[in-house]
Amino acid sequence: TGLTMTLPLYGVFGASGFGREVMPLLRAQLQQVVSSEQLVFIDDAPSTTKLNGYDVLTWAEFLARPASQRSVVLAIANSRIREVLAQRCQAAGVHQLSVQAANVVRMDSITLGEGAVLSPFVSLTSNIRIGCYFHANFYSYVAHDCIIGDFVTFGPRVMCNGNVHIEDHAYIGTGAILKQG
C-alpha cells in the first residue's frame, strides 16, 4: 500500500453573502498552494451541500474531514458571533487566516491583527493600528494615525479619516464618513 498524503483544509466560515464574497479572495490568495477540493464553506445550519462549486460543511464535518492542518477565515458580519467563532476555532486548534484582495493598498507602519478581511479597493494608509478580526468592505479606507479595536466591521465605502479611534465591536455602516473629533 502507498502512503496517502493529507492536505491542508481551508474554510470560509459563513456561507451567506459576505462569505460568498470572501471565498474568491481566499482562492486567489492561495491559488499556488491549494486545489478547489481544499476550499470549503462552513455553516452551522447549511441549507445546501454545495455553493458556488464548493462543499458546504457543518463545523463537525469540517473538523472530521481529513486534513494536515485546518485554517479558516471568519466571514460573519455580526461581531459578537465572530468573537464566539474565533474562540471556537482557537479551542479546536484551527488556524485563523487573514484575507485580502490583490489590489488592497497598504502603506507604512500598519499593525493589523489576525483574522482580517480586506475586500477589493481597501486602502490602509500610514501609522495605523487595527485589532483582530477586522472586516473592511469594498472601497473602504483607514487613514493615518487611526486606532481600531477588535471585531470591527466597515460596510462598503466607509471613510475613516485620520486620528479616529474606534472601539471593539463597532459596526460602521455603508458610506459613513468618520473624522477626528
Protein backbone atom coordinates (compact mmCIF):
# COMPACT_ATOMS: atom_id res chain seq x y z
CA THR A 1 0.00 0.00 0.00
CA GLY A 2 1.16 3.54 -0.74
CA LEU A 3 1.18 6.45 1.61
CA THR A 4 -1.73 8.85 1.28
CA MET A 5 -0.80 12.48 1.65
CA THR A 6 -3.26 14.53 3.69
CA LEU A 7 -3.50 18.15 2.54
CA PRO A 8 -4.46 21.30 4.46
CA LEU A 9 -8.14 22.29 4.53
CA TYR A 10 -9.25 25.93 4.25
CA GLY A 11 -12.70 27.14 5.21
CA VAL A 12 -14.74 30.29 4.88
CA PHE A 13 -16.92 30.32 8.00
CA GLY A 14 -20.20 31.76 6.76
CA ALA A 15 -21.98 30.74 3.57
CA SER A 16 -24.17 33.82 3.18
CA GLY A 17 -23.49 36.95 1.13
CA PHE A 18 -20.23 38.07 2.69
CA GLY A 19 -18.86 34.52 2.74
CA ARG A 20 -19.52 34.23 -0.98
CA GLU A 21 -17.55 37.48 -1.47
CA VAL A 22 -14.65 36.26 0.68
CA MET A 23 -14.22 32.82 -0.98
CA PRO A 24 -12.82 34.22 -4.26
CA LEU A 25 -10.36 36.34 -2.26
CA LEU A 26 -9.19 33.29 -0.33
CA ARG A 27 -8.93 31.23 -3.52
CA ALA A 28 -6.84 33.93 -5.23
CA GLN A 29 -4.60 34.33 -2.20
CA LEU A 30 -3.94 30.57 -2.03
CA GLN A 31 -4.00 29.79 -5.75
CA GLN A 32 -0.45 28.47 -5.88
CA VAL A 33 -0.84 26.11 -2.93
CA VAL A 34 -4.34 24.60 -2.96
CA SER A 35 -6.82 22.80 -5.13
CA SER A 36 -10.52 23.66 -5.10
CA GLU A 37 -11.19 20.48 -3.07
CA GLN A 38 -9.25 22.01 -0.19
CA LEU A 39 -11.59 25.03 -0.03
CA VAL A 40 -14.95 24.74 1.73
CA PHE A 41 -17.67 26.84 3.28
CA ILE A 42 -18.55 26.20 6.92
CA ASP A 43 -22.06 26.90 8.17
CA ASP A 44 -23.75 25.84 11.40
CA ALA A 45 -27.08 25.39 9.61
CA PRO A 46 -26.33 24.74 5.94
CA SER A 47 -29.23 24.89 3.51
CA THR A 48 -27.25 23.12 0.80
CA THR A 49 -24.23 20.84 0.42
CA LYS A 50 -22.66 22.81 -2.48
CA LEU A 51 -22.35 26.55 -3.00
CA ASN A 52 -20.61 28.14 -5.99
CA GLY A 53 -18.89 24.80 -6.61
CA TYR A 54 -17.56 24.34 -3.05
CA ASP A 55 -18.66 21.87 -0.41
CA VAL A 56 -20.67 23.35 2.48
CA LEU A 57 -19.80 21.62 5.75
CA THR A 58 -21.03 21.90 9.30
CA TRP A 59 -18.38 22.67 11.92
CA ALA A 60 -18.34 18.99 12.94
CA GLU A 61 -17.89 17.89 9.31
CA PHE A 62 -15.07 20.42 8.86
CA LEU A 63 -13.28 19.03 11.91
CA ALA A 64 -13.89 15.42 10.81
CA ARG A 65 -12.58 15.82 7.25
CA PRO A 66 -9.01 14.50 6.98
CA ALA A 67 -6.52 17.37 6.84
CA SER A 68 -2.91 18.04 7.76
CA GLN A 69 -3.97 21.46 9.06
CA ARG A 70 -7.25 23.38 9.28
CA SER A 71 -7.48 27.12 8.67
CA VAL A 72 -10.49 29.43 8.49
CA VAL A 73 -11.43 32.99 7.72
CA LEU A 74 -14.48 34.26 9.58
CA ALA A 75 -16.91 35.89 7.12
CA ILE A 76 -19.65 36.72 9.62
CA ALA A 77 -20.83 40.34 9.88
CA ASN A 78 -22.12 40.07 13.46
CA SER A 79 -19.07 40.85 15.60
CA ARG A 80 -20.33 39.01 18.69
CA ILE A 81 -20.86 35.81 16.70
CA ARG A 82 -17.46 36.34 15.04
CA GLU A 83 -15.89 36.51 18.51
CA VAL A 84 -17.60 33.27 19.63
CA LEU A 85 -16.46 31.53 16.43
CA ALA A 86 -12.89 32.79 16.92
CA GLN A 87 -12.90 31.24 20.39
CA ARG A 88 -14.36 28.01 18.98
CA CYS A 89 -11.59 27.85 16.37
CA GLN A 90 -8.89 28.57 18.93
CA ALA A 91 -10.19 25.81 21.23
CA ALA A 92 -10.13 23.34 18.32
CA GLY A 93 -6.63 24.32 17.18
CA VAL A 94 -7.91 25.78 13.89
CA HIS A 95 -5.61 28.43 12.44
CA GLN A 96 -7.04 31.90 11.68
CA LEU A 97 -6.48 33.35 8.23
CA SER A 98 -6.37 36.95 7.13
CA VAL A 99 -7.56 37.51 3.58
CA GLN A 100 -7.02 40.49 1.35
CA ALA A 101 -7.73 41.35 -2.26
CA ALA A 102 -4.74 41.73 -4.56
CA ASN A 103 -5.45 45.44 -5.05
CA VAL A 104 -5.52 46.42 -1.37
CA VAL A 105 -3.20 49.36 -0.67
CA ARG A 106 -1.10 49.12 2.50
CA MET A 107 1.26 51.98 3.25
CA ASP A 108 3.76 52.43 6.11
CA SER A 109 3.69 51.39 9.76
CA ILE A 110 0.48 49.36 9.82
CA THR A 111 -0.31 46.90 12.58
CA LEU A 112 -3.12 44.56 11.54
CA GLY A 113 -4.42 41.85 13.88
CA GLU A 114 -5.16 38.27 12.85
CA GLY A 115 -8.32 37.25 11.04
CA ALA A 116 -8.73 40.43 8.96
CA VAL A 117 -10.75 40.52 5.74
CA LEU A 118 -9.76 43.32 3.36
CA SER A 119 -12.08 43.47 0.34
CA PRO A 120 -11.16 44.90 -3.07
CA PHE A 121 -10.12 48.57 -3.22
CA VAL A 122 -9.47 48.91 0.53
CA SER A 123 -6.72 51.36 1.50
CA LEU A 124 -4.80 51.43 4.77
CA THR A 125 -2.55 54.49 4.97
CA SER A 126 0.23 55.18 7.44
CA ASN A 127 0.74 54.75 11.17
CA ILE A 128 -2.45 52.89 11.98
CA ARG A 129 -3.23 50.09 14.42
CA ILE A 130 -6.11 47.70 13.73
CA GLY A 131 -7.19 44.93 16.09
CA CYS A 132 -8.07 41.35 15.26
CA TYR A 133 -10.94 40.14 13.05
CA PHE A 134 -11.39 43.46 11.26
CA HIS A 135 -13.66 43.47 8.19
CA ALA A 136 -13.18 46.26 5.65
CA ASN A 137 -15.67 46.00 2.80
CA PHE A 138 -15.31 47.33 -0.77
CA TYR A 139 -13.74 50.80 -1.22
CA SER A 140 -13.23 51.47 2.49
CA TYR A 141 -10.19 53.24 3.84
CA VAL A 142 -8.44 53.87 7.13
CA ALA A 143 -6.26 56.99 7.18
CA HIS A 144 -3.20 57.99 9.22
CA ASP A 145 -2.99 57.63 12.99
CA CYS A 146 -6.25 55.67 13.44
CA ILE A 147 -6.68 53.08 16.15
CA ILE A 148 -9.35 50.46 15.52
CA GLY A 149 -10.40 47.84 18.07
CA ASP A 150 -11.13 44.12 17.72
CA PHE A 151 -14.07 42.69 15.77
CA VAL A 152 -14.82 45.97 13.97
CA THR A 153 -16.79 45.90 10.72
CA PHE A 154 -16.72 48.54 7.99
CA GLY A 155 -19.51 48.37 5.41
CA PRO A 156 -18.73 49.36 1.80
CA ARG A 157 -17.23 52.82 1.22
CA VAL A 158 -16.53 53.66 4.87
CA MET A 159 -14.14 56.60 5.03
CA CYS A 160 -12.20 56.69 8.26
CA ASN A 161 -10.17 59.89 8.19
CA GLY A 162 -7.03 60.48 10.26
CA ASN A 163 -6.76 60.28 14.03
CA VAL A 164 -10.01 58.39 14.65
CA HIS A 165 -10.33 55.84 17.47
CA ILE A 166 -12.95 53.09 17.11
CA GLU A 167 -13.84 50.78 19.98
CA ASP A 168 -14.23 46.96 19.84
CA HIS A 169 -17.31 45.51 18.10
CA ALA A 170 -18.25 48.71 16.25
CA TYR A 171 -20.23 48.29 13.05
CA ILE A 172 -19.75 51.26 10.73
CA GLY A 173 -22.42 51.32 8.02
CA THR A 174 -22.10 51.82 4.28
CA GLY A 175 -20.86 55.24 3.20
CA ALA A 176 -20.09 56.53 6.69
CA ILE A 177 -17.56 59.34 6.93
CA LEU A 178 -15.64 59.37 10.21
CA LYS A 179 -13.46 62.32 11.14
CA GLN A 180 -11.37 63.35 14.11
CA GLY A 181 -13.41 64.77 16.97
